[in-house]
Amino acid sequence: MDTVFLVVSLFLPRTILIIYYFIMHQIPLNTVPFIGDVFLTVFIPRALILIYIAQVLGTDSPWFWIHLVVAIFVYFGGGKKAKDKWKNR
């Protein structure tokens, strides 16, 4: 698994997945069916990247834990727009 893929996927997970699928033709080795790859890329890209990392590098990899922590922060933290939306109610 490329270090570039791992670093960029922290910030732009959907974009890097699409780049790897269509431009570079390098889907990371996985056991997810292709329709699952497409569905997860569109709707839950961070979960797909976690699956890729767990299958290729294992859960002992620091990259797995870094991505898991970022996914939790993004999920529970939300963005500035989401916080402002709840604040204005």
C-alpha atoms as a PDB file:
ATOM      1  CA  MET A   1       0.000   0.000   0.000  1.00  0.00           C
ATOM      2  CA  ASP A   2       1.401   3.389  -1.017  1.00  0.00           C
ATOM      3  CA  THR A   3       2.310   5.913   1.640  1.00  0.00           C
ATOM      4  CA  VAL A   4       0.826   8.601  -0.604  1.00  0.00           C
ATOM      5  CA  PHE A   5      -2.505   6.743  -0.581  1.00  0.00           C
ATOM      6  CA  LEU A   6      -2.434   6.469   3.206  1.00  0.00           C
ATOM      7  CA  VAL A   7      -1.573  10.133   3.811  1.00  0.00           C
ATOM      8  CA  VAL A   8      -3.931  11.676   1.251  1.00  0.00           C
ATOM      9  CA  SER A   9      -6.795   9.406   2.311  1.00  0.00           C
ATOM     10  CA  LEU A  10      -6.685  11.000   5.760  1.00  0.00           C
ATOM     11  CA  PHE A  11      -7.832  14.297   4.242  1.00  0.00           C
ATOM     12  CA  LEU A  12      -9.561  13.387   0.953  1.00  0.00           C
ATOM     13  CA  PRO A  13     -10.703   9.758   1.172  1.00  0.00           C
ATOM     14  CA  ARG A  14     -13.301   9.771  -1.618  1.00  0.00           C
ATOM     15  CA  THR A  15     -11.051  11.683  -4.013  1.00  0.00           C
ATOM     16  CA  ILE A  16      -8.043   9.410  -3.555  1.00  0.00           C
ATOM     17  CA  LEU A  17     -10.192   6.294  -3.993  1.00  0.00           C
ATOM     18  CA  ILE A  18     -11.584   7.617  -7.280  1.00  0.00           C
ATOM     19  CA  ILE A  19      -8.089   8.584  -8.452  1.00  0.00           C
ATOM     20  CA  TYR A  20      -6.765   5.116  -7.653  1.00  0.00           C
ATOM     21  CA  TYR A  21      -9.725   3.399  -9.363  1.00  0.00           C
ATOM     22  CA  PHE A  22      -9.950   5.376 -12.588  1.00  0.00           C
ATOM     23  CA  ILE A  23      -6.628   7.092 -13.192  1.00  0.00           C
ATOM     24  CA  MET A  24      -4.016   4.815 -11.655  1.00  0.00           C
ATOM     25  CA  HIS A  25      -5.947   1.494 -11.953  1.00  0.00           C
ATOM     26  CA  GLN A  26      -4.580   0.343  -8.598  1.00  0.00           C
ATOM     27  CA  ILE A  27      -7.280  -0.906  -6.284  1.00  0.00           C
ATOM     28  CA  PRO A  28      -5.669  -2.095  -3.034  1.00  0.00           C
ATOM     29  CA  LEU A  29      -5.819  -5.852  -2.526  1.00  0.00           C
ATOM     30  CA  ASN A  30      -9.092  -6.734  -0.766  1.00  0.00           C
ATOM     31  CA  THR A  31     -11.894  -9.266  -0.455  1.00  0.00           C
ATOM     32  CA  VAL A  32     -14.716  -6.740  -0.853  1.00  0.00           C
ATOM     33  CA  PRO A  33     -16.842  -7.408  -3.965  1.00  0.00           C
ATOM     34  CA  PHE A  34     -16.616  -4.720  -6.667  1.00  0.00           C
ATOM     35  CA  ILE A  35     -20.173  -3.505  -6.014  1.00  0.00           C
ATOM     36  CA  GLY A  36     -19.182  -3.095  -2.359  1.00  0.00           C
ATOM     37  CA  ASP A  37     -16.143  -1.090  -3.426  1.00  0.00           C
ATOM     38  CA  VAL A  38     -18.343   1.232  -5.473  1.00  0.00           C
ATOM     39  CA  PHE A  39     -21.037   1.566  -2.774  1.00  0.00           C
ATOM     40  CA  LEU A  40     -18.556   2.232   0.021  1.00  0.00           C
ATOM     41  CA  THR A  41     -16.526   4.655  -2.114  1.00  0.00           C
ATOM     42  CA  VAL A  42     -19.625   6.738  -2.730  1.00  0.00           C
ATOM     43  CA  PHE A  43     -21.245   6.584   0.708  1.00  0.00           C
ATOM     44  CA  ILE A  44     -18.672   5.563   3.372  1.00  0.00           C
ATOM     45  CA  PRO A  45     -15.142   6.005   1.971  1.00  0.00           C
ATOM     46  CA  ARG A  46     -13.394   6.056   5.350  1.00  0.00           C
ATOM     47  CA  ALA A  47     -14.817   2.646   6.229  1.00  0.00           C
ATOM     48  CA  LEU A  48     -13.563   1.233   2.925  1.00  0.00           C
ATOM     49  CA  ILE A  49     -10.093   2.609   3.554  1.00  0.00           C
ATOM     50  CA  LEU A  50     -10.129   1.043   7.020  1.00  0.00           C
ATOM     51  CA  ILE A  51     -11.071  -2.291   5.432  1.00  0.00           C
ATOM     52  CA  TYR A  52      -8.217  -1.950   2.939  1.00  0.00           C
ATOM     53  CA  ILE A  53      -5.703  -1.143   5.663  1.00  0.00           C
ATOM     54  CA  ALA A  54      -6.906  -3.962   7.920  1.00  0.00           C
ATOM     55  CA  GLN A  55      -6.649  -6.522   5.111  1.00  0.00           C
ATOM     56  CA  VAL A  56      -3.312  -5.384   3.687  1.00  0.00           C
ATOM     57  CA  LEU A  57      -1.383  -4.079   6.704  1.00  0.00           C
ATOM     58  CA  GLY A  58      -3.349  -5.595   9.589  1.00  0.00           C
ATOM     59  CA  THR A  59      -4.893  -3.961  12.621  1.00  0.00           C
ATOM     60  CA  ASP A  60      -1.513  -3.727  14.341  1.00  0.00           C
ATOM     61  CA  SER A  61      -0.407  -1.087  11.836  1.00  0.00           C
ATOM     62  CA  PRO A  62      -0.230   2.477  13.147  1.00  0.00           C
ATOM     63  CA  TRP A  63      -1.946   3.577   9.913  1.00  0.00           C
ATOM     64  CA  PHE A  64      -5.036   1.598  10.899  1.00  0.00           C
ATOM     65  CA  TRP A  65      -5.269   3.322  14.261  1.00  0.00           C
ATOM     66  CA  ILE A  66      -4.554   6.779  12.816  1.00  0.00           C
ATOM     67  CA  HIS A  67      -7.331   6.341  10.248  1.00  0.00           C
ATOM     68  CA  LEU A  68      -9.703   4.963  12.881  1.00  0.00           C
ATOM     69  CA  VAL A  69      -9.136   7.964  15.171  1.00  0.00           C
ATOM     70  CA  VAL A  70      -9.614  10.395  12.263  1.00  0.00           C
ATOM     71  CA  ALA A  71     -12.818   8.591  11.222  1.00  0.00           C
ATOM     72  CA  ILE A  72     -14.185   8.863  14.767  1.00  0.00           C
ATOM     73  CA  PHE A  73     -13.275  12.575  14.975  1.00  0.00           C
ATOM     74  CA  VAL A  74     -14.926  13.280  11.627  1.00  0.00           C
ATOM     75  CA  TYR A  75     -18.029  11.276  12.509  1.00  0.00           C
ATOM     76  CA  PHE A  76     -18.590  12.764  15.950  1.00  0.00           C
ATOM     77  CA  GLY A  77     -16.978  16.161  15.415  1.00  0.00           C
ATOM     78  CA  GLY A  78     -18.716  17.060  12.208  1.00  0.00           C
ATOM     79  CA  GLY A  79     -17.784  20.159  10.315  1.00  0.00           C
ATOM     80  CA  LYS A  80     -18.140  23.842  11.050  1.00  0.00           C
ATOM     81  CA  LYS A  81     -21.359  24.031   9.043  1.00  0.00           C
ATOM     82  CA  ALA A  82     -22.925  21.212  11.038  1.00  0.00           C
ATOM     83  CA  LYS A  83     -21.993  22.821  14.347  1.00  0.00           C
ATOM     84  CA  ASP A  84     -23.329  26.207  13.213  1.00  0.00           C
ATOM     85  CA  LYS A  85     -26.534  24.589  12.033  1.00  0.00           C
ATOM     86  CA  TRP A  86     -27.138  23.017  15.438  1.00  0.00           C
ATOM     87  CA  LYS A  87     -26.051  26.173  17.229  1.00  0.00           C
ATOM     88  CA  ASN A  88     -28.585  28.357  15.388  1.00  0.00           C
ATOM     89  CA  ARG A  89     -31.540  26.139  16.301  1.00  0.00           C
END
